[in-house]
Amino acid sequence: MDGTQAKKIVTENLVWPNALAIDYFAERLYWADAFRDVIEMANLDGTGRRTVISDDKLVPHVFGLTIFDDTIFWSDWTRRGILFADKLTGQNSTRLMKTVLPPYSLKAYHSFMQMAAPNICEVTTCQHICAPKLDGSGQQCLCAEGFIMHESGLCEPNCTKHQLLCSRPDHKCLSLIYRCDESYNCRNGDDEMECPVSICMHDERMFPCRDNRKCILRSQRCDGFVDCYDESDEFYCADLAIAWSH
């Protein structure tokens, strides 16, 4: 549970292994490759690998996968739906339901499948993640991605050059792809601070917010609705109305 003693089970002929599911009763591992348009299975140690479904019309882009009884269920982005088929032969493929948006992960829940076990982490002082030890003797504390365990036992940010640090209350590392995307991913707005405004400078139809963090249409200026984070689009509207009246 702590990520140690990792082993490679299947390494060959894989491109986009999007989905992964375990058939606990048959002790088999199932996965889908969205690039190769296949659903495959193998024993839990990777032996006995074989193809269940290989058809770009049946499984053009599988995302999620789950097993229940003798049936395999999967979600498909291209077919926009949840489908199922025989878990051994892939026969009798049927669409269970259609979806408007691309469906993501799915799981099958049943009392027969939920194995009862004591919750070792029911009471814990861990700051981020509590995980059981491999030998089941107790619990251990882990840090979330982007953090390292300090000598004090607390998790401290360990941001890479491709991340920025959100200061408290988040106190987390955030990918730079979210920098200046006009959406608060850090609760205190660290990811939207000092962002350049380029489109406003060359387009008379646009209005630059005073803090240079957003660009809006001039028609949104003094329309009674706040569009700039600093509310500067609604500043001095009375003076502007007088100027327009003249």
Protein backbone atom coordinates (compact mmCIF):
# COMPACT_ATOMS: atom_id res chain seq x y z
CA MET A 1 0.00 0.00 0.00
CA ASP A 2 2.99 2.35 0.31
CA GLY A 3 4.24 1.88 -3.25
CA THR A 4 7.33 -0.16 -2.36
CA GLN A 5 8.33 -3.50 -3.91
CA ALA A 6 6.84 -2.47 -7.26
CA LYS A 7 6.99 -5.09 -10.02
CA LYS A 8 6.42 -4.85 -13.77
CA ILE A 9 3.69 -7.30 -14.76
CA VAL A 10 3.22 -6.60 -18.49
CA THR A 11 5.70 -4.49 -20.46
CA GLU A 12 5.49 -5.52 -24.12
CA ASN A 13 3.12 -4.35 -26.85
CA LEU A 14 1.53 -1.59 -24.74
CA VAL A 15 0.85 1.99 -25.88
CA TRP A 16 -2.09 3.58 -23.98
CA PRO A 17 -3.15 1.20 -21.20
CA ASN A 18 -6.05 3.38 -20.02
CA ALA A 19 -8.11 0.92 -17.99
CA LEU A 20 -7.15 -1.67 -15.38
CA ALA A 21 -9.31 -4.12 -13.40
CA ILE A 22 -8.79 -7.28 -11.34
CA ASP A 23 -11.06 -10.32 -11.45
CA TYR A 24 -10.46 -11.45 -7.87
CA PHE A 25 -12.36 -14.71 -8.15
CA ALA A 26 -10.60 -15.87 -11.33
CA GLU A 27 -7.32 -14.20 -10.28
CA ARG A 28 -6.91 -12.43 -13.61
CA LEU A 29 -5.87 -8.93 -14.61
CA TYR A 30 -7.77 -7.08 -17.35
CA TRP A 31 -6.72 -3.92 -19.18
CA ALA A 32 -7.56 -1.92 -22.30
CA ASP A 33 -5.20 -0.22 -24.73
CA ALA A 34 -6.93 2.83 -26.23
CA PHE A 35 -4.30 3.17 -28.95
CA ARG A 36 -4.35 -0.46 -30.12
CA ASP A 37 -8.16 -0.75 -29.68
CA VAL A 38 -8.01 -3.95 -27.62
CA ILE A 39 -9.09 -5.37 -24.27
CA GLU A 40 -6.68 -7.99 -22.93
CA MET A 41 -6.26 -10.18 -19.88
CA ALA A 42 -3.54 -12.18 -18.12
CA ASN A 43 -2.85 -13.98 -14.88
CA LEU A 44 -1.91 -11.73 -11.96
CA ASP A 45 1.78 -12.42 -12.58
CA GLY A 46 1.50 -11.45 -16.27
CA THR A 47 1.54 -14.97 -17.69
CA GLY A 48 -1.21 -16.38 -19.89
CA ARG A 49 -1.79 -13.09 -21.70
CA ARG A 50 -4.47 -13.13 -24.39
CA THR A 51 -6.84 -10.81 -26.22
CA VAL A 52 -10.50 -10.62 -25.20
CA ILE A 53 -11.70 -8.03 -27.76
CA SER A 54 -9.76 -6.59 -30.69
CA ASP A 55 -12.00 -4.44 -32.86
CA ASP A 56 -11.70 -0.71 -33.59
CA LYS A 57 -15.48 -0.51 -33.97
CA LEU A 58 -16.28 -2.24 -30.64
CA VAL A 59 -13.52 -0.68 -28.52
CA PRO A 60 -12.27 2.44 -30.37
CA HIS A 61 -11.27 4.34 -27.19
CA VAL A 62 -11.81 2.52 -23.89
CA PHE A 63 -11.25 4.63 -20.76
CA GLY A 64 -12.67 2.69 -17.78
CA LEU A 65 -13.01 -1.03 -17.11
CA THR A 66 -14.56 -3.24 -14.42
CA ILE A 67 -15.44 -6.91 -13.94
CA PHE A 68 -18.49 -8.49 -12.34
CA ASP A 69 -19.46 -12.16 -12.44
CA ASP A 70 -18.96 -13.38 -16.04
CA THR A 71 -19.18 -9.93 -17.59
CA ILE A 72 -16.72 -7.21 -18.47
CA PHE A 73 -18.02 -3.62 -18.48
CA TRP A 74 -16.22 -0.67 -20.06
CA SER A 75 -16.66 3.00 -20.91
CA ASP A 76 -15.77 4.26 -24.38
CA TRP A 77 -15.09 7.87 -25.36
CA THR A 78 -15.70 7.40 -29.08
CA ARG A 79 -18.91 5.38 -28.72
CA ARG A 80 -20.05 7.66 -25.88
CA GLY A 81 -21.48 4.93 -23.70
CA ILE A 82 -21.13 2.06 -21.22
CA LEU A 83 -20.83 -1.36 -22.84
CA PHE A 84 -20.46 -4.97 -21.72
CA ALA A 85 -19.53 -8.39 -23.07
CA ASP A 86 -18.52 -11.89 -21.97
CA LYS A 87 -15.30 -11.54 -19.95
CA LEU A 88 -13.65 -14.62 -21.50
CA THR A 89 -14.74 -14.54 -25.13
CA GLY A 90 -15.69 -10.90 -25.71
CA GLN A 91 -18.86 -12.13 -27.37
CA ASN A 92 -22.37 -10.65 -27.05
CA SER A 93 -21.11 -7.06 -26.91
CA THR A 94 -23.98 -4.76 -25.92
CA ARG A 95 -24.30 -1.06 -25.16
CA LEU A 96 -25.81 -0.67 -21.70
CA MET A 97 -26.38 3.09 -21.94
CA LYS A 98 -25.49 6.15 -24.00
CA THR A 99 -23.79 9.21 -22.54
CA VAL A 100 -23.76 12.82 -23.74
CA LEU A 101 -20.17 13.47 -22.67
CA PRO A 102 -17.20 11.07 -22.83
CA PRO A 103 -17.60 8.61 -19.92
CA TYR A 104 -14.67 8.16 -17.56
CA SER A 105 -14.01 5.51 -14.89
CA LEU A 106 -16.56 2.99 -13.71
CA LYS A 107 -16.65 0.42 -10.91
CA ALA A 108 -18.89 -2.54 -10.10
CA TYR A 109 -19.97 -2.75 -6.45
CA HIS A 110 -21.57 -5.82 -4.87
CA SER A 111 -21.57 -7.30 -1.38
CA PHE A 112 -19.82 -10.43 -2.70
CA MET A 113 -16.96 -8.32 -4.02
CA GLN A 114 -16.37 -6.10 -0.99
CA MET A 115 -13.95 -7.96 1.27
CA ALA A 116 -14.32 -7.02 4.93
CA ALA A 117 -11.16 -5.98 6.78
CA PRO A 118 -10.35 -3.83 9.81
CA ASN A 119 -9.51 -0.20 9.07
CA ILE A 120 -6.00 0.26 10.44
CA CYS A 121 -6.18 3.98 9.63
CA GLU A 122 -9.50 4.64 11.36
CA VAL A 123 -7.62 6.62 14.02
CA THR A 124 -4.50 8.38 12.75
CA THR A 125 -2.35 11.47 13.21
CA CYS A 126 -1.05 11.43 9.62
CA GLN A 127 -1.07 14.83 7.93
CA HIS A 128 -1.71 13.60 4.38
CA ILE A 129 -2.00 9.86 3.76
CA CYS A 130 -2.31 6.93 6.14
CA ALA A 131 -1.43 3.51 4.71
CA PRO A 132 -1.18 0.06 6.31
CA LYS A 133 2.25 -1.51 6.59
CA LEU A 134 2.99 -4.45 4.30
CA ASP A 135 3.09 -6.91 7.19
CA GLY A 136 -0.22 -5.59 8.56
CA SER A 137 1.39 -4.68 11.87
CA GLY A 138 0.18 -1.09 11.88
CA GLN A 139 0.02 2.13 9.91
CA GLN A 140 2.54 4.47 8.33
CA CYS A 141 2.26 8.07 7.20
CA LEU A 142 2.95 9.12 3.61
CA CYS A 143 3.01 12.47 1.85
CA ALA A 144 0.99 13.45 -1.19
CA GLU A 145 2.62 13.97 -4.59
CA GLY A 146 4.90 17.01 -4.58
CA PHE A 147 5.67 16.73 -0.85
CA ILE A 148 8.45 15.10 1.17
CA MET A 149 8.45 13.91 4.76
CA HIS A 150 10.30 16.31 7.06
CA GLU A 151 12.19 15.13 10.15
CA SER A 152 9.34 16.53 12.21
CA GLY A 153 6.97 14.06 10.57
CA LEU A 154 5.19 16.82 8.65
CA CYS A 155 4.86 16.95 4.87
CA GLU A 156 6.67 19.85 3.20
CA PRO A 157 6.27 20.98 -0.45
CA ASN A 158 8.95 19.77 -2.85
CA CYS A 159 7.99 21.57 -6.06
CA THR A 160 9.83 20.87 -9.31
CA LYS A 161 10.81 23.48 -11.91
CA HIS A 162 7.57 22.65 -13.71
CA GLN A 163 5.44 23.52 -10.67
CA LEU A 164 4.63 26.54 -8.54
CA LEU A 165 3.95 26.61 -4.82
CA CYS A 166 0.47 27.59 -3.68
CA SER A 167 0.99 29.24 -0.30
CA ARG A 168 -1.34 28.56 2.60
CA PRO A 169 -4.08 27.53 3.06
CA ASP A 170 -3.44 25.13 0.13
CA HIS A 171 0.32 24.72 0.72
CA LYS A 172 0.70 22.50 -2.34
CA CYS A 173 2.60 22.22 -5.63
CA LEU A 174 0.65 23.05 -8.78
CA SER A 175 1.60 22.29 -12.38
CA LEU A 176 2.62 25.35 -14.39
CA ILE A 177 0.02 24.47 -17.04
CA TYR A 178 -2.53 26.05 -14.68
CA ARG A 179 -0.55 29.29 -14.46
CA CYS A 180 -2.46 32.31 -15.79
CA ASP A 181 -5.40 30.28 -17.14
CA GLU A 182 -7.91 32.74 -15.65
CA SER A 183 -9.04 30.17 -13.10
CA TYR A 184 -8.13 30.08 -9.40
CA ASN A 185 -6.37 26.76 -8.81
CA CYS A 186 -4.64 28.10 -5.70
CA ARG A 187 -7.28 29.31 -3.27
CA ASN A 188 -5.34 32.50 -2.57
CA GLY A 189 -4.81 33.20 -6.29
CA ASP A 190 -1.04 32.58 -6.43
CA ASP A 191 -1.40 30.95 -9.86
CA GLU A 192 -3.08 34.06 -11.31
CA MET A 193 -0.73 36.72 -9.93
CA GLU A 194 1.33 38.97 -12.25
CA CYS A 195 -0.05 37.38 -15.40
CA PRO A 196 0.67 39.17 -18.68
CA VAL A 197 -2.17 40.58 -20.74
CA SER A 198 -1.31 40.52 -24.41
CA ILE A 199 -4.53 40.53 -26.41
CA CYS A 200 -5.80 43.76 -24.83
CA MET A 201 -2.82 45.76 -25.96
CA HIS A 202 -3.54 45.24 -29.65
CA ASP A 203 -7.32 45.07 -29.78
CA GLU A 204 -9.51 48.13 -29.20
CA ARG A 205 -12.48 45.87 -28.47
CA MET A 206 -10.80 44.60 -25.30
CA PHE A 207 -10.43 46.14 -21.84
CA PRO A 208 -7.44 45.23 -19.62
CA CYS A 209 -8.23 44.72 -15.95
CA ARG A 210 -6.13 46.98 -13.73
CA ASP A 211 -4.22 44.10 -12.11
CA ASN A 212 -3.23 42.75 -15.56
CA ARG A 213 -4.62 39.34 -14.69
CA LYS A 214 -7.51 39.26 -17.13
CA CYS A 215 -8.75 40.77 -20.38
CA ILE A 216 -12.46 41.33 -21.03
CA LEU A 217 -14.62 42.81 -23.79
CA ARG A 218 -15.17 46.57 -23.59
CA SER A 219 -18.91 45.86 -23.71
CA GLN A 220 -18.49 44.27 -20.26
CA ARG A 221 -17.14 47.54 -18.88
CA CYS A 222 -19.64 49.16 -16.47
CA ASP A 223 -22.37 46.66 -17.26
CA GLY A 224 -23.23 46.14 -13.59
CA PHE A 225 -21.47 42.78 -13.40
CA VAL A 226 -17.96 42.27 -12.02
CA ASP A 227 -15.77 40.48 -14.57
CA CYS A 228 -12.27 41.51 -13.42
CA TYR A 229 -10.85 39.85 -10.32
CA ASP A 230 -10.04 43.30 -8.91
CA GLU A 231 -13.48 44.68 -9.95
CA SER A 232 -11.77 47.41 -11.99
CA ASP A 233 -14.25 46.96 -14.84
CA GLU A 234 -16.87 48.59 -12.61
CA PHE A 235 -14.68 51.51 -11.38
CA TYR A 236 -15.56 55.15 -12.25
CA CYS A 237 -18.72 54.14 -14.06
CA ALA A 238 -20.55 57.31 -12.99
CA ASP A 239 -17.86 59.48 -14.62
CA LEU A 240 -18.04 57.34 -17.73
CA ALA A 241 -21.82 57.78 -17.92
CA ILE A 242 -21.42 61.58 -17.76
CA ALA A 243 -18.84 61.48 -20.55
CA TRP A 244 -21.15 59.38 -22.70
CA SER A 245 -24.07 61.78 -22.09
CA HIS A 246 -22.04 64.64 -23.54
